[in-house]
Amino acid sequence: QVQLVESGGGLVQSGGSLRLSCAASGRTFSSSVMGWFRQAPGKEREFVATIAPIIGSTYYADSVKGRFTISRENAKNTVYLQMNSLKPEDTAVYYCAAGRKFSSRPSEYNNWGQGTQVTVSS
């Protein structure tokens, strides 16, 4: 079981940057696939990015490709999401999640954080 706590959200102007962090507790972080998802008001939770545990392969949603970067530090049990060139449509609650399968589907992740709010003003 992995417990996850996100931080780093806030209010930023369009074109700005934020770095989200997700600190994990538990012994399985280094072997877990880690993902970032987001949910805007009135919308379904959507995939943002994922990173594999060992090789560190990454995969991004088309909407964030080239602007967001996911990374992990297994020694610190932490996964990051660097968000650049932010747009108002990036406004959402951002969640990190841990799972066993390299996937963009929320159902493949069984541990979730509480979320952190990101608001991008125009």
PDB file of N, CA and C in Angstrom:
ATOM      1  N   GLN A   1       0.842  -1.184   0.000  1.00  0.00           N
ATOM      2  CA  GLN A   1       0.000   0.000   0.000  1.00  0.00           C
ATOM      3  C   GLN A   1       0.886   1.247   0.000  1.00  0.00           C
ATOM      4  N   VAL A   2       0.559   2.207  -0.858  1.00  0.00           N
ATOM      5  CA  VAL A   2       1.307   3.455  -0.960  1.00  0.00           C
ATOM      6  C   VAL A   2       0.373   4.599  -0.600  1.00  0.00           C
ATOM      7  N   GLN A   3       0.820   5.445   0.307  1.00  0.00           N
ATOM      8  CA  GLN A   3       0.059   6.648   0.645  1.00  0.00           C
ATOM      9  C   GLN A   3       0.705   7.842  -0.033  1.00  0.00           C
ATOM     10  N   LEU A   4      -0.121   8.708  -0.622  1.00  0.00           N
ATOM     11  CA  LEU A   4       0.376   9.774  -1.475  1.00  0.00           C
ATOM     12  C   LEU A   4      -0.120  11.127  -1.001  1.00  0.00           C
ATOM     13  N   VAL A   5       0.771  12.116  -1.019  1.00  0.00           N
ATOM     14  CA  VAL A   5       0.415  13.481  -0.624  1.00  0.00           C
ATOM     15  C   VAL A   5       0.970  14.453  -1.661  1.00  0.00           C
ATOM     16  N   GLU A   6       0.076  15.162  -2.336  1.00  0.00           N
ATOM     17  CA  GLU A   6       0.487  16.133  -3.343  1.00  0.00           C
ATOM     18  C   GLU A   6       0.721  17.514  -2.716  1.00  0.00           C
ATOM     19  N   SER A   7       1.562  18.297  -3.364  1.00  0.00           N
ATOM     20  CA  SER A   7       1.798  19.685  -2.969  1.00  0.00           C
ATOM     21  C   SER A   7       2.262  20.470  -4.179  1.00  0.00           C
ATOM     22  N   GLY A   8       2.263  21.792  -4.039  1.00  0.00           N
ATOM     23  CA  GLY A   8       2.797  22.638  -5.101  1.00  0.00           C
ATOM     24  C   GLY A   8       1.763  23.338  -5.956  1.00  0.00           C
ATOM     25  N   GLY A   9       0.502  23.064  -5.725  1.00  0.00           N
ATOM     26  CA  GLY A   9      -0.530  23.739  -6.498  1.00  0.00           C
ATOM     27  C   GLY A   9      -0.646  25.203  -6.105  1.00  0.00           C
ATOM     28  N   GLY A  10      -1.429  25.945  -6.882  1.00  0.00           N
ATOM     29  CA  GLY A  10      -1.629  27.360  -6.579  1.00  0.00           C
ATOM     30  C   GLY A  10      -2.232  28.100  -7.746  1.00  0.00           C
ATOM     31  N   LEU A  11      -2.161  29.432  -7.648  1.00  0.00           N
ATOM     32  CA  LEU A  11      -2.689  30.317  -8.680  1.00  0.00           C
ATOM     33  C   LEU A  11      -1.529  30.875  -9.492  1.00  0.00           C
ATOM     34  N   VAL A  12      -1.638  30.792 -10.813  1.00  0.00           N
ATOM     35  CA  VAL A  12      -0.572  31.276 -11.690  1.00  0.00           C
ATOM     36  C   VAL A  12      -1.204  31.906 -12.919  1.00  0.00           C
ATOM     37  N   GLN A  13      -0.512  32.869 -13.496  1.00  0.00           N
ATOM     38  CA  GLN A  13      -1.014  33.497 -14.717  1.00  0.00           C
ATOM     39  C   GLN A  13      -0.744  32.625 -15.927  1.00  0.00           C
ATOM     40  N   SER A  14      -1.544  32.813 -16.942  1.00  0.00           N
ATOM     41  CA  SER A  14      -1.350  32.098 -18.192  1.00  0.00           C
ATOM     42  C   SER A  14       0.076  32.305 -18.705  1.00  0.00           C
ATOM     43  N   GLY A  15       0.700  31.215 -19.116  1.00  0.00           N
ATOM     44  CA  GLY A  15       2.087  31.252 -19.555  1.00  0.00           C
ATOM     45  C   GLY A  15       3.093  30.956 -18.467  1.00  0.00           C
ATOM     46  N   GLY A  16       2.627  30.912 -17.237  1.00  0.00           N
ATOM     47  CA  GLY A  16       3.502  30.654 -16.109  1.00  0.00           C
ATOM     48  C   GLY A  16       3.802  29.182 -15.902  1.00  0.00           C
ATOM     49  N   SER A  17       4.505  28.903 -14.807  1.00  0.00           N
ATOM     50  CA  SER A  17       4.929  27.537 -14.497  1.00  0.00           C
ATOM     51  C   SER A  17       4.628  27.188 -13.052  1.00  0.00           C
ATOM     52  N   LEU A  18       4.426  25.913 -12.823  1.00  0.00           N
ATOM     53  CA  LEU A  18       4.293  25.350 -11.488  1.00  0.00           C
ATOM     54  C   LEU A  18       4.954  23.987 -11.475  1.00  0.00           C
ATOM     55  N   ARG A  19       5.411  23.589 -10.291  1.00  0.00           N
ATOM     56  CA  ARG A  19       5.965  22.251 -10.117  1.00  0.00           C
ATOM     57  C   ARG A  19       5.206  21.566  -9.007  1.00  0.00           C
ATOM     58  N   LEU A  20       4.527  20.493  -9.364  1.00  0.00           N
ATOM     59  CA  LEU A  20       3.811  19.687  -8.386  1.00  0.00           C
ATOM     60  C   LEU A  20       4.712  18.571  -7.875  1.00  0.00           C
ATOM     61  N   SER A  21       4.564  18.256  -6.602  1.00  0.00           N
ATOM     62  CA  SER A  21       5.283  17.140  -5.997  1.00  0.00           C
ATOM     63  C   SER A  21       4.278  16.174  -5.395  1.00  0.00           C
ATOM     64  N   CYS A  22       4.661  14.925  -5.354  1.00  0.00           N
ATOM     65  CA  CYS A  22       3.834  13.892  -4.734  1.00  0.00           C
ATOM     66  C   CYS A  22       4.760  13.015  -3.908  1.00  0.00           C
ATOM     67  N   ALA A  23       4.618  13.120  -2.582  1.00  0.00           N
ATOM     68  CA  ALA A  23       5.445  12.333  -1.672  1.00  0.00           C
ATOM     69  C   ALA A  23       4.717  11.053  -1.312  1.00  0.00           C
ATOM     70  N   ALA A  24       5.430   9.949  -1.418  1.00  0.00           N
ATOM     71  CA  ALA A  24       4.838   8.644  -1.166  1.00  0.00           C
ATOM     72  C   ALA A  24       5.443   8.005   0.066  1.00  0.00           C
ATOM     73  N   SER A  25       4.601   7.332   0.820  1.00  0.00           N
ATOM     74  CA  SER A  25       5.082   6.516   1.927  1.00  0.00           C
ATOM     75  C   SER A  25       4.796   5.072   1.592  1.00  0.00           C
ATOM     76  N   GLY A  26       5.534   4.187   2.211  1.00  0.00           N
ATOM     77  CA  GLY A  26       5.345   2.786   1.895  1.00  0.00           C
ATOM     78  C   GLY A  26       6.558   2.227   1.172  1.00  0.00           C
ATOM     79  N   ARG A  27       6.632   0.921   1.112  1.00  0.00           N
ATOM     80  CA  ARG A  27       7.831   0.249   0.617  1.00  0.00           C
ATOM     81  C   ARG A  27       7.776  -0.074  -0.859  1.00  0.00           C
ATOM     82  N   THR A  28       6.665   0.226  -1.511  1.00  0.00           N
ATOM     83  CA  THR A  28       6.512  -0.215  -2.898  1.00  0.00           C
ATOM     84  C   THR A  28       6.637   0.908  -3.913  1.00  0.00           C
ATOM     85  N   PHE A  29       7.033   2.114  -3.467  1.00  0.00           N
ATOM     86  CA  PHE A  29       7.069   3.243  -4.406  1.00  0.00           C
ATOM     87  C   PHE A  29       7.990   2.943  -5.584  1.00  0.00           C
ATOM     88  N   SER A  30       9.183   2.437  -5.302  1.00  0.00           N
ATOM     89  CA  SER A  30      10.173   2.271  -6.367  1.00  0.00           C
ATOM     90  C   SER A  30       9.734   1.270  -7.427  1.00  0.00           C
ATOM     91  N   SER A  31       8.785   0.423  -7.103  1.00  0.00           N
ATOM     92  CA  SER A  31       8.300  -0.556  -8.073  1.00  0.00           C
ATOM     93  C   SER A  31       6.931  -0.184  -8.642  1.00  0.00           C
ATOM     94  N   SER A  32       6.428   0.981  -8.289  1.00  0.00           N
ATOM     95  CA  SER A  32       5.100   1.408  -8.722  1.00  0.00           C
ATOM     96  C   SER A  32       5.160   2.304  -9.955  1.00  0.00           C
ATOM     97  N   VAL A  33       4.224   2.089 -10.853  1.00  0.00           N
ATOM     98  CA  VAL A  33       3.964   3.069 -11.909  1.00  0.00           C
ATOM     99  C   VAL A  33       3.299   4.277 -11.243  1.00  0.00           C
ATOM    100  N   MET A  34       3.775   5.468 -11.573  1.00  0.00           N
ATOM    101  CA  MET A  34       3.202   6.686 -10.986  1.00  0.00           C
ATOM    102  C   MET A  34       2.562   7.531 -12.082  1.00  0.00           C
ATOM    103  N   GLY A  35       1.390   8.035 -11.783  1.00  0.00           N
ATOM    104  CA  GLY A  35       0.678   8.839 -12.768  1.00  0.00           C
ATOM    105  C   GLY A  35       0.147  10.130 -12.176  1.00  0.00           C
ATOM    106  N   TRP A  36      -0.064  11.097 -13.052  1.00  0.00           N
ATOM    107  CA  TRP A  36      -0.756  12.332 -12.696  1.00  0.00           C
ATOM    108  C   TRP A  36      -2.047  12.398 -13.502  1.00  0.00           C
ATOM    109  N   PHE A  37      -3.108  12.761 -12.827  1.00  0.00           N
ATOM    110  CA  PHE A  37      -4.409  12.955 -13.444  1.00  0.00           C
ATOM    111  C   PHE A  37      -4.949  14.306 -12.992  1.00  0.00           C
ATOM    112  N   ARG A  38      -5.989  14.772 -13.662  1.00  0.00           N
ATOM    113  CA  ARG A  38      -6.598  16.038 -13.238  1.00  0.00           C
ATOM    114  C   ARG A  38      -8.102  15.979 -13.465  1.00  0.00           C
ATOM    115  N   GLN A  39      -8.803  16.797 -12.690  1.00  0.00           N
ATOM    116  CA  GLN A  39     -10.255  16.858 -12.819  1.00  0.00           C
ATOM    117  C   GLN A  39     -10.717  18.295 -12.665  1.00  0.00           C
ATOM    118  N   ALA A  40     -11.317  18.803 -13.722  1.00  0.00           N
ATOM    119  CA  ALA A  40     -11.885  20.143 -13.701  1.00  0.00           C
ATOM    120  C   ALA A  40     -13.341  20.063 -13.270  1.00  0.00           C
ATOM    121  N   PRO A  41     -13.904  21.153 -12.757  1.00  0.00           N
ATOM    122  CA  PRO A  41     -15.308  21.136 -12.314  1.00  0.00           C
ATOM    123  C   PRO A  41     -16.248  20.696 -13.424  1.00  0.00           C
ATOM    124  N   GLY A  42     -17.112  19.737 -13.100  1.00  0.00           N
ATOM    125  CA  GLY A  42     -18.094  19.262 -14.065  1.00  0.00           C
ATOM    126  C   GLY A  42     -17.554  18.326 -15.117  1.00  0.00           C
ATOM    127  N   LYS A  43     -16.284  17.959 -14.996  1.00  0.00           N
ATOM    128  CA  LYS A  43     -15.681  17.069 -15.991  1.00  0.00           C
ATOM    129  C   LYS A  43     -15.169  15.796 -15.331  1.00  0.00           C
ATOM    130  N   GLU A  44     -14.950  14.783 -16.155  1.00  0.00           N
ATOM    131  CA  GLU A  44     -14.409  13.532 -15.648  1.00  0.00           C
ATOM    132  C   GLU A  44     -12.904  13.683 -15.389  1.00  0.00           C
ATOM    133  N   ARG A  45     -12.402  12.811 -14.523  1.00  0.00           N
ATOM    134  CA  ARG A  45     -10.963  12.793 -14.265  1.00  0.00           C
ATOM    135  C   ARG A  45     -10.247  12.362 -15.544  1.00  0.00           C
ATOM    136  N   GLU A  46      -9.181  13.089 -15.906  1.00  0.00           N
ATOM    137  CA  GLU A  46      -8.479  12.771 -17.136  1.00  0.00           C
ATOM    138  C   GLU A  46      -6.993  12.555 -16.879  1.00  0.00           C
ATOM    139  N   PHE A  47      -6.426  11.728 -17.715  1.00  0.00           N
ATOM    140  CA  PHE A  47      -5.013  11.387 -17.647  1.00  0.00           C
ATOM    141  C   PHE A  47      -4.162  12.571 -18.062  1.00  0.00           C
ATOM    142  N   VAL A  48      -3.028  12.745 -17.348  1.00  0.00           N
ATOM    143  CA  VAL A  48      -2.070  13.791 -17.702  1.00  0.00           C
ATOM    144  C   VAL A  48      -0.733  13.172 -18.128  1.00  0.00           C
ATOM    145  N   ALA A  49      -0.143  12.338 -17.250  1.00  0.00           N
ATOM    146  CA  ALA A  49       1.172  11.770 -17.542  1.00  0.00           C
ATOM    147  C   ALA A  49       1.405  10.567 -16.646  1.00  0.00           C
ATOM    148  N   THR A  50       2.307   9.686 -17.096  1.00  0.00           N
ATOM    149  CA  THR A  50       2.676   8.544 -16.295  1.00  0.00           C
ATOM    150  C   THR A  50       4.151   8.228 -16.490  1.00  0.00           C
ATOM    151  N   ILE A  51       4.751   7.586 -15.478  1.00  0.00           N
ATOM    152  CA  ILE A  51       6.167   7.239 -15.538  1.00  0.00           C
ATOM    153  C   ILE A  51       6.363   5.839 -14.970  1.00  0.00           C
ATOM    154  N   ALA A  52       7.147   5.040 -15.674  1.00  0.00           N
ATOM    155  CA  ALA A  52       7.420   3.663 -15.268  1.00  0.00           C
ATOM    156  C   ALA A  52       8.420   3.645 -14.121  1.00  0.00           C
ATOM    157  N   PRO A  53       8.446   2.542 -13.359  1.00  0.00           N
ATOM    158  CA  PRO A  53       9.234   2.529 -12.125  1.00  0.00           C
ATOM    159  C   PRO A  53      10.742   2.439 -12.298  1.00  0.00           C
ATOM    160  N   ILE A  54      11.246   1.639 -13.191  1.00  0.00           N
ATOM    161  CA  ILE A  54      12.687   1.376 -13.252  1.00  0.00           C
ATOM    162  C   ILE A  54      13.340   2.154 -14.398  1.00  0.00           C
ATOM    163  N   ILE A  55      12.908   1.878 -15.588  1.00  0.00           N
ATOM    164  CA  ILE A  55      13.497   2.532 -16.763  1.00  0.00           C
ATOM    165  C   ILE A  55      13.112   4.006 -16.820  1.00  0.00           C
ATOM    166  N   GLY A  56      11.952   4.332 -16.259  1.00  0.00           N
ATOM    167  CA  GLY A  56      11.510   5.718 -16.257  1.00  0.00           C
ATOM    168  C   GLY A  56      10.862   6.163 -17.541  1.00  0.00           C
ATOM    169  N   SER A  57      10.362   5.220 -18.308  1.00  0.00           N
ATOM    170  CA  SER A  57       9.632   5.582 -19.524  1.00  0.00           C
ATOM    171  C   SER A  57       8.447   6.459 -19.152  1.00  0.00           C
ATOM    172  N   THR A  58       8.136   7.397 -20.033  1.00  0.00           N
ATOM    173  CA  THR A  58       7.049   8.329 -19.765  1.00  0.00           C
ATOM    174  C   THR A  58       6.045   8.336 -20.914  1.00  0.00           C
ATOM    175  N   TYR A  59       4.857   8.795 -20.595  1.00  0.00           N
ATOM    176  CA  TYR A  59       3.795   8.911 -21.591  1.00  0.00           C
ATOM    177  C   TYR A  59       2.907  10.068 -21.173  1.00  0.00           C
ATOM    178  N   TYR A  60       2.501  10.896 -22.159  1.00  0.00           N
ATOM    179  CA  TYR A  60       1.753  12.119 -21.856  1.00  0.00           C
ATOM    180  C   TYR A  60       0.459  12.184 -22.655  1.00  0.00           C
ATOM    181  N   ALA A  61      -0.497  12.867 -22.083  1.00  0.00           N
ATOM    182  CA  ALA A  61      -1.688  13.229 -22.841  1.00  0.00           C
ATOM    183  C   ALA A  61      -1.303  14.243 -23.912  1.00  0.00           C
ATOM    184  N   ASP A  62      -1.955  14.183 -25.044  1.00  0.00           N
ATOM    185  CA  ASP A  62      -1.634  15.105 -26.138  1.00  0.00           C
ATOM    186  C   ASP A  62      -1.774  16.561 -25.700  1.00  0.00           C
ATOM    187  N   SER A  63      -2.708  16.813 -24.812  1.00  0.00           N
ATOM    188  CA  SER A  63      -2.996  18.191 -24.405  1.00  0.00           C
ATOM    189  C   SER A  63      -1.858  18.831 -23.611  1.00  0.00           C
ATOM    190  N   VAL A  64      -0.953  18.014 -23.061  1.00  0.00           N
ATOM    191  CA  VAL A  64       0.132  18.563 -22.239  1.00  0.00           C
ATOM    192  C   VAL A  64       1.511  18.261 -22.822  1.00  0.00           C
ATOM    193  N   LYS A  65       1.575  17.472 -23.862  1.00  0.00           N
ATOM    194  CA  LYS A  65       2.853  17.062 -24.434  1.00  0.00           C
ATOM    195  C   LYS A  65       3.641  18.287 -24.876  1.00  0.00           C
ATOM    196  N   GLY A  66       4.909  18.322 -24.477  1.00  0.00           N
ATOM    197  CA  GLY A  66       5.762  19.453 -24.817  1.00  0.00           C
ATOM    198  C   GLY A  66       5.718  20.580 -23.799  1.00  0.00           C
ATOM    199  N   ARG A  67       4.741  20.543 -22.904  1.00  0.00           N
ATOM    200  CA  ARG A  67       4.628  21.587 -21.866  1.00  0.00           C
ATOM    201  C   ARG A  67       4.871  21.041 -20.464  1.00  0.00           C
ATOM    202  N   PHE A  68       4.443  19.806 -20.216  1.00  0.00           N
ATOM    203  CA  PHE A  68       4.579  19.186 -18.897  1.00  0.00           C
ATOM    204  C   PHE A  68       5.655  18.109 -18.942  1.00  0.00           C
ATOM    205  N   THR A  69       6.337  17.923 -17.801  1.00  0.00           N
ATOM    206  CA  THR A  69       7.342  16.869 -17.672  1.00  0.00           C
ATOM    207  C   THR A  69       7.136  16.133 -16.361  1.00  0.00           C
ATOM    208  N   ILE A  70       6.996  14.824 -16.436  1.00  0.00           N
ATOM    209  CA  ILE A  70       6.894  13.995 -15.243  1.00  0.00           C
ATOM    210  C   ILE A  70       8.265  13.394 -14.961  1.00  0.00           C
ATOM    211  N   SER A  71       8.626  13.326 -13.678  1.00  0.00           N
ATOM    212  CA  SER A  71       9.895  12.725 -13.280  1.00  0.00           C
ATOM    213  C   SER A  71       9.721  12.112 -11.900  1.00  0.00           C
ATOM    214  N   ARG A  72      10.698  11.306 -11.492  1.00  0.00           N
ATOM    215  CA  ARG A  72      10.618  10.676 -10.185  1.00  0.00           C
ATOM    216  C   ARG A  72      11.998  10.557  -9.583  1.00  0.00           C
ATOM    217  N   GLU A  73      12.037  10.600  -8.268  1.00  0.00           N
ATOM    218  CA  GLU A  73      13.257  10.344  -7.511  1.00  0.00           C
ATOM    219  C   GLU A  73      12.939   9.209  -6.539  1.00  0.00           C
ATOM    220  N   ASN A  74      13.312   8.002  -6.906  1.00  0.00           N
ATOM    221  CA  ASN A  74      12.984   6.842  -6.071  1.00  0.00           C
ATOM    222  C   ASN A  74      13.646   6.929  -4.699  1.00  0.00           C
ATOM    223  N   ALA A  75      14.816   7.544  -4.624  1.00  0.00           N
ATOM    224  CA  ALA A  75      15.509   7.666  -3.341  1.00  0.00           C
ATOM    225  C   ALA A  75      14.741   8.566  -2.373  1.00  0.00           C
ATOM    226  N   LYS A  76      13.909   9.460  -2.925  1.00  0.00           N
ATOM    227  CA  LYS A  76      13.120  10.369  -2.090  1.00  0.00           C
ATOM    228  C   LYS A  76      11.643   9.987  -2.080  1.00  0.00           C
ATOM    229  N   ASN A  77      11.299   8.885  -2.736  1.00  0.00           N
ATOM    230  CA  ASN A  77       9.892   8.453  -2.802  1.00  0.00           C
ATOM    231  C   ASN A  77       8.997   9.590  -3.294  1.00  0.00           C
ATOM    232  N   THR A  78       9.444  10.281  -4.326  1.00  0.00           N
ATOM    233  CA  THR A  78       8.715  11.453  -4.793  1.00  0.00           C
ATOM    234  C   THR A  78       8.602  11.438  -6.315  1.00  0.00           C
ATOM    235  N   VAL A  79       7.446  11.844  -6.800  1.00  0.00           N
ATOM    236  CA  VAL A  79       7.226  12.044  -8.225  1.00  0.00           C
ATOM    237  C   VAL A  79       6.844  13.508  -8.438  1.00  0.00           C
ATOM    238  N   TYR A  80       7.284  14.060  -9.555  1.00  0.00           N
ATOM    239  CA  TYR A  80       7.074  15.473  -9.835  1.00  0.00           C
ATOM    240  C   TYR A  80       6.312  15.654 -11.141  1.00  0.00           C
ATOM    241  N   LEU A  81       5.675  16.807 -11.252  1.00  0.00           N
ATOM    242  CA  LEU A  81       5.085  17.221 -12.520  1.00  0.00           C
ATOM    243  C   LEU A  81       5.458  18.683 -12.735  1.00  0.00           C
ATOM    244  N   GLN A  82       6.399  18.912 -13.638  1.00  0.00           N
ATOM    245  CA  GLN A  82       6.781  20.264 -14.005  1.00  0.00           C
ATOM    246  C   GLN A  82       5.835  20.741 -15.102  1.00  0.00           C
ATOM    247  N   MET A  83       5.158  21.850 -14.837  1.00  0.00           N
ATOM    248  CA  MET A  83       4.160  22.364 -15.776  1.00  0.00           C
ATOM    249  C   MET A  83       4.584  23.743 -16.256  1.00  0.00           C
ATOM    250  N   ASN A  84       4.850  23.846 -17.537  1.00  0.00           N
ATOM    251  CA  ASN A  84       5.260  25.100 -18.162  1.00  0.00           C
ATOM    252  C   ASN A  84       4.201  25.563 -19.162  1.00  0.00           C
ATOM    253  N   SER A  85       4.288  26.826 -19.536  1.00  0.00           N
ATOM    254  CA  SER A  85       3.358  27.395 -20.527  1.00  0.00           C
ATOM    255  C   SER A  85       1.914  27.071 -20.170  1.00  0.00           C
ATOM    256  N   LEU A  86       1.568  27.296 -18.939  1.00  0.00           N
ATOM    257  CA  LEU A  86       0.238  26.927 -18.464  1.00  0.00           C
ATOM    258  C   LEU A  86      -0.847  27.756 -19.139  1.00  0.00           C
ATOM    259  N   LYS A  87      -1.988  27.108 -19.336  1.00  0.00           N
ATOM    260  CA  LYS A  87      -3.135  27.725 -19.987  1.00  0.00           C
ATOM    261  C   LYS A  87      -4.333  27.676 -19.041  1.00  0.00           C
ATOM    262  N   PRO A  88      -5.302  28.561 -19.224  1.00  0.00           N
ATOM    263  CA  PRO A  88      -6.492  28.513 -18.366  1.00  0.00           C
ATOM    264  C   PRO A  88      -7.179  27.150 -18.380  1.00  0.00           C
ATOM    265  N   GLU A  89      -7.128  26.449 -19.502  1.00  0.00           N
ATOM    266  CA  GLU A  89      -7.764  25.131 -19.580  1.00  0.00           C
ATOM    267  C   GLU A  89      -7.017  24.061 -18.795  1.00  0.00           C
ATOM    268  N   ASP A  90      -5.849  24.390 -18.235  1.00  0.00           N
ATOM    269  CA  ASP A  90      -5.147  23.465 -17.351  1.00  0.00           C
ATOM    270  C   ASP A  90      -5.680  23.541 -15.923  1.00  0.00           C
ATOM    271  N   THR A  91      -6.571  24.486 -15.660  1.00  0.00           N
ATOM    272  CA  THR A  91      -7.150  24.625 -14.322  1.00  0.00           C
ATOM    273  C   THR A  91      -7.906  23.373 -13.923  1.00  0.00           C
ATOM    274  N   ALA A  92      -7.540  22.813 -12.768  1.00  0.00           N
ATOM    275  CA  ALA A  92      -8.140  21.560 -12.303  1.00  0.00           C
ATOM    276  C   ALA A  92      -7.536  21.202 -10.948  1.00  0.00           C
ATOM    277  N   VAL A  93      -8.119  20.194 -10.331  1.00  0.00           N
ATOM    278  CA  VAL A  93      -7.476  19.537  -9.192  1.00  0.00           C
ATOM    279  C   VAL A  93      -6.595  18.431  -9.771  1.00  0.00           C
ATOM    280  N   TYR A  94      -5.335  18.443  -9.376  1.00  0.00           N
ATOM    281  CA  TYR A  94      -4.368  17.474  -9.888  1.00  0.00           C
ATOM    282  C   TYR A  94      -4.126  16.394  -8.834  1.00  0.00           C
ATOM    283  N   TYR A  95      -4.191  15.149  -9.273  1.00  0.00           N
ATOM    284  CA  TYR A  95      -4.011  13.999  -8.395  1.00  0.00           C
ATOM    285  C   TYR A  95      -2.820  13.176  -8.858  1.00  0.00           C
ATOM    286  N   CYS A  96      -2.040  12.676  -7.916  1.00  0.00           N
ATOM    287  CA  CYS A  96      -1.071  11.646  -8.279  1.00  0.00           C
ATOM    288  C   CYS A  96      -1.641  10.298  -7.860  1.00  0.00           C
ATOM    289  N   ALA A  97      -1.169   9.272  -8.521  1.00  0.00           N
ATOM    290  CA  ALA A  97      -1.691   7.938  -8.307  1.00  0.00           C
ATOM    291  C   ALA A  97      -0.590   6.908  -8.524  1.00  0.00           C
ATOM    292  N   ALA A  98      -0.726   5.783  -7.842  1.00  0.00           N
ATOM    293  CA  ALA A  98       0.240   4.680  -7.962  1.00  0.00           C
ATOM    294  C   ALA A  98      -0.479   3.433  -8.431  1.00  0.00           C
ATOM    295  N   GLY A  99       0.186   2.693  -9.302  1.00  0.00           N
ATOM    296  CA  GLY A  99      -0.401   1.468  -9.813  1.00  0.00           C
ATOM    297  C   GLY A  99       0.656   0.485 -10.238  1.00  0.00           C
ATOM    298  N   ARG A 100       0.218  -0.593 -10.880  1.00  0.00           N
ATOM    299  CA  ARG A 100       1.121  -1.654 -11.309  1.00  0.00           C
ATOM    300  C   ARG A 100       1.278  -1.726 -12.820  1.00  0.00           C
ATOM    301  N   LYS A 101       0.404  -1.027 -13.546  1.00  0.00           N
ATOM    302  CA  LYS A 101       0.428  -1.121 -14.992  1.00  0.00           C
ATOM    303  C   LYS A 101       0.687   0.237 -15.602  1.00  0.00           C
ATOM    304  N   PHE A 102       1.539   0.280 -16.600  1.00  0.00           N
ATOM    305  CA  PHE A 102       1.855   1.508 -17.331  1.00  0.00           C
ATOM    306  C   PHE A 102       0.660   1.832 -18.210  1.00  0.00           C
ATOM    307  N   SER A 103      -0.191   2.737 -17.717  1.00  0.00           N
ATOM    308  CA  SER A 103      -1.472   2.942 -18.367  1.00  0.00           C
ATOM    309  C   SER A 103      -1.944   4.371 -18.193  1.00  0.00           C
ATOM    310  N   SER A 104      -2.831   4.807 -19.074  1.00  0.00           N
ATOM    311  CA  SER A 104      -3.469   6.116 -18.953  1.00  0.00           C
ATOM    312  C   SER A 104      -4.863   6.004 -18.339  1.00  0.00           C
ATOM    313  N   ARG A 105      -5.267   4.820 -18.002  1.00  0.00           N
ATOM    314  CA  ARG A 105      -6.625   4.614 -17.470  1.00  0.00           C
ATOM    315  C   ARG A 105      -6.638   4.734 -15.954  1.00  0.00           C
ATOM    316  N   PRO A 106      -7.486   5.584 -15.391  1.00  0.00           N
ATOM    317  CA  PRO A 106      -7.542   5.719 -13.928  1.00  0.00           C
ATOM    318  C   PRO A 106      -7.811   4.394 -13.216  1.00  0.00           C
ATOM    319  N   SER A 107      -8.541   3.492 -13.851  1.00  0.00           N
ATOM    320  CA  SER A 107      -8.897   2.224 -13.209  1.00  0.00           C
ATOM    321  C   SER A 107      -7.693   1.340 -12.950  1.00  0.00           C
ATOM    322  N   GLU A 108      -6.560   1.622 -13.607  1.00  0.00           N
ATOM    323  CA  GLU A 108      -5.349   0.819 -13.414  1.00  0.00           C
ATOM    324  C   GLU A 108      -4.539   1.284 -12.201  1.00  0.00           C
ATOM    325  N   TYR A 109      -4.969   2.349 -11.560  1.00  0.00           N
ATOM    326  CA  TYR A 109      -4.251   2.898 -10.410  1.00  0.00           C
ATOM    327  C   TYR A 109      -5.087   2.676  -9.146  1.00  0.00           C
ATOM    328  N   ASN A 110      -4.481   2.129  -8.108  1.00  0.00           N
ATOM    329  CA  ASN A 110      -5.259   1.762  -6.925  1.00  0.00           C
ATOM    330  C   ASN A 110      -4.936   2.586  -5.697  1.00  0.00           C
ATOM    331  N   ASN A 111      -4.004   3.507  -5.804  1.00  0.00           N
ATOM    332  CA  ASN A 111      -3.712   4.402  -4.690  1.00  0.00           C
ATOM    333  C   ASN A 111      -3.706   5.831  -5.216  1.00  0.00           C
ATOM    334  N   TRP A 112      -4.426   6.706  -4.499  1.00  0.00           N
ATOM    335  CA  TRP A 112      -4.591   8.093  -4.961  1.00  0.00           C
ATOM    336  C   TRP A 112      -4.298   9.068  -3.828  1.00  0.00           C
ATOM    337  N   GLY A 113      -3.748  10.216  -4.198  1.00  0.00           N
ATOM    338  CA  GLY A 113      -3.601  11.293  -3.242  1.00  0.00           C
ATOM    339  C   GLY A 113      -4.892  12.093  -3.116  1.00  0.00           C
ATOM    340  N   GLN A 114      -4.858  13.118  -2.281  1.00  0.00           N
ATOM    341  CA  GLN A 114      -6.057  13.918  -2.016  1.00  0.00           C
ATOM    342  C   GLN A 114      -6.248  15.028  -3.039  1.00  0.00           C
ATOM    343  N   GLY A 115      -5.227  15.307  -3.817  1.00  0.00           N
ATOM    344  CA  GLY A 115      -5.328  16.309  -4.867  1.00  0.00           C
ATOM    345  C   GLY A 115      -4.808  17.671  -4.439  1.00  0.00           C
ATOM    346  N   THR A 116      -4.368  18.452  -5.424  1.00  0.00           N
ATOM    347  CA  THR A 116      -3.923  19.821  -5.188  1.00  0.00           C
ATOM    348  C   THR A 116      -4.486  20.698  -6.304  1.00  0.00           C
ATOM    349  N   GLN A 117      -5.002  21.867  -5.928  1.00  0.00           N
ATOM    350  CA  GLN A 117      -5.671  22.735  -6.881  1.00  0.00           C
ATOM    351  C   GLN A 117      -4.653  23.557  -7.676  1.00  0.00           C
ATOM    352  N   VAL A 118      -4.834  23.558  -8.986  1.00  0.00           N
ATOM    353  CA  VAL A 118      -4.062  24.420  -9.883  1.00  0.00           C
ATOM    354  C   VAL A 118      -5.051  25.335 -10.606  1.00  0.00           C
ATOM    355  N   THR A 119      -4.846  26.630 -10.490  1.00  0.00           N
ATOM    356  CA  THR A 119      -5.700  27.599 -11.149  1.00  0.00           C
ATOM    357  C   THR A 119      -4.848  28.506 -12.024  1.00  0.00           C
ATOM    358  N   VAL A 120      -5.198  28.580 -13.300  1.00  0.00           N
ATOM    359  CA  VAL A 120      -4.456  29.397 -14.254  1.00  0.00           C
ATOM    360  C   VAL A 120      -5.368  30.524 -14.711  1.00  0.00           C
ATOM    361  N   SER A 121      -4.955  31.750 -14.430  1.00  0.00           N
ATOM    362  CA  SER A 121      -5.769  32.901 -14.805  1.00  0.00           C
ATOM    363  C   SER A 121      -5.354  33.418 -16.180  1.00  0.00           C
ATOM    364  N   SER A 122      -6.333  33.954 -16.888  1.00  0.00           N
ATOM    365  CA  SER A 122      -6.054  34.456 -18.246  1.00  0.00           C
ATOM    366  C   SER A 122      -5.614  35.904 -18.237  1.00  0.00           C
TER     367      SER A 122
END
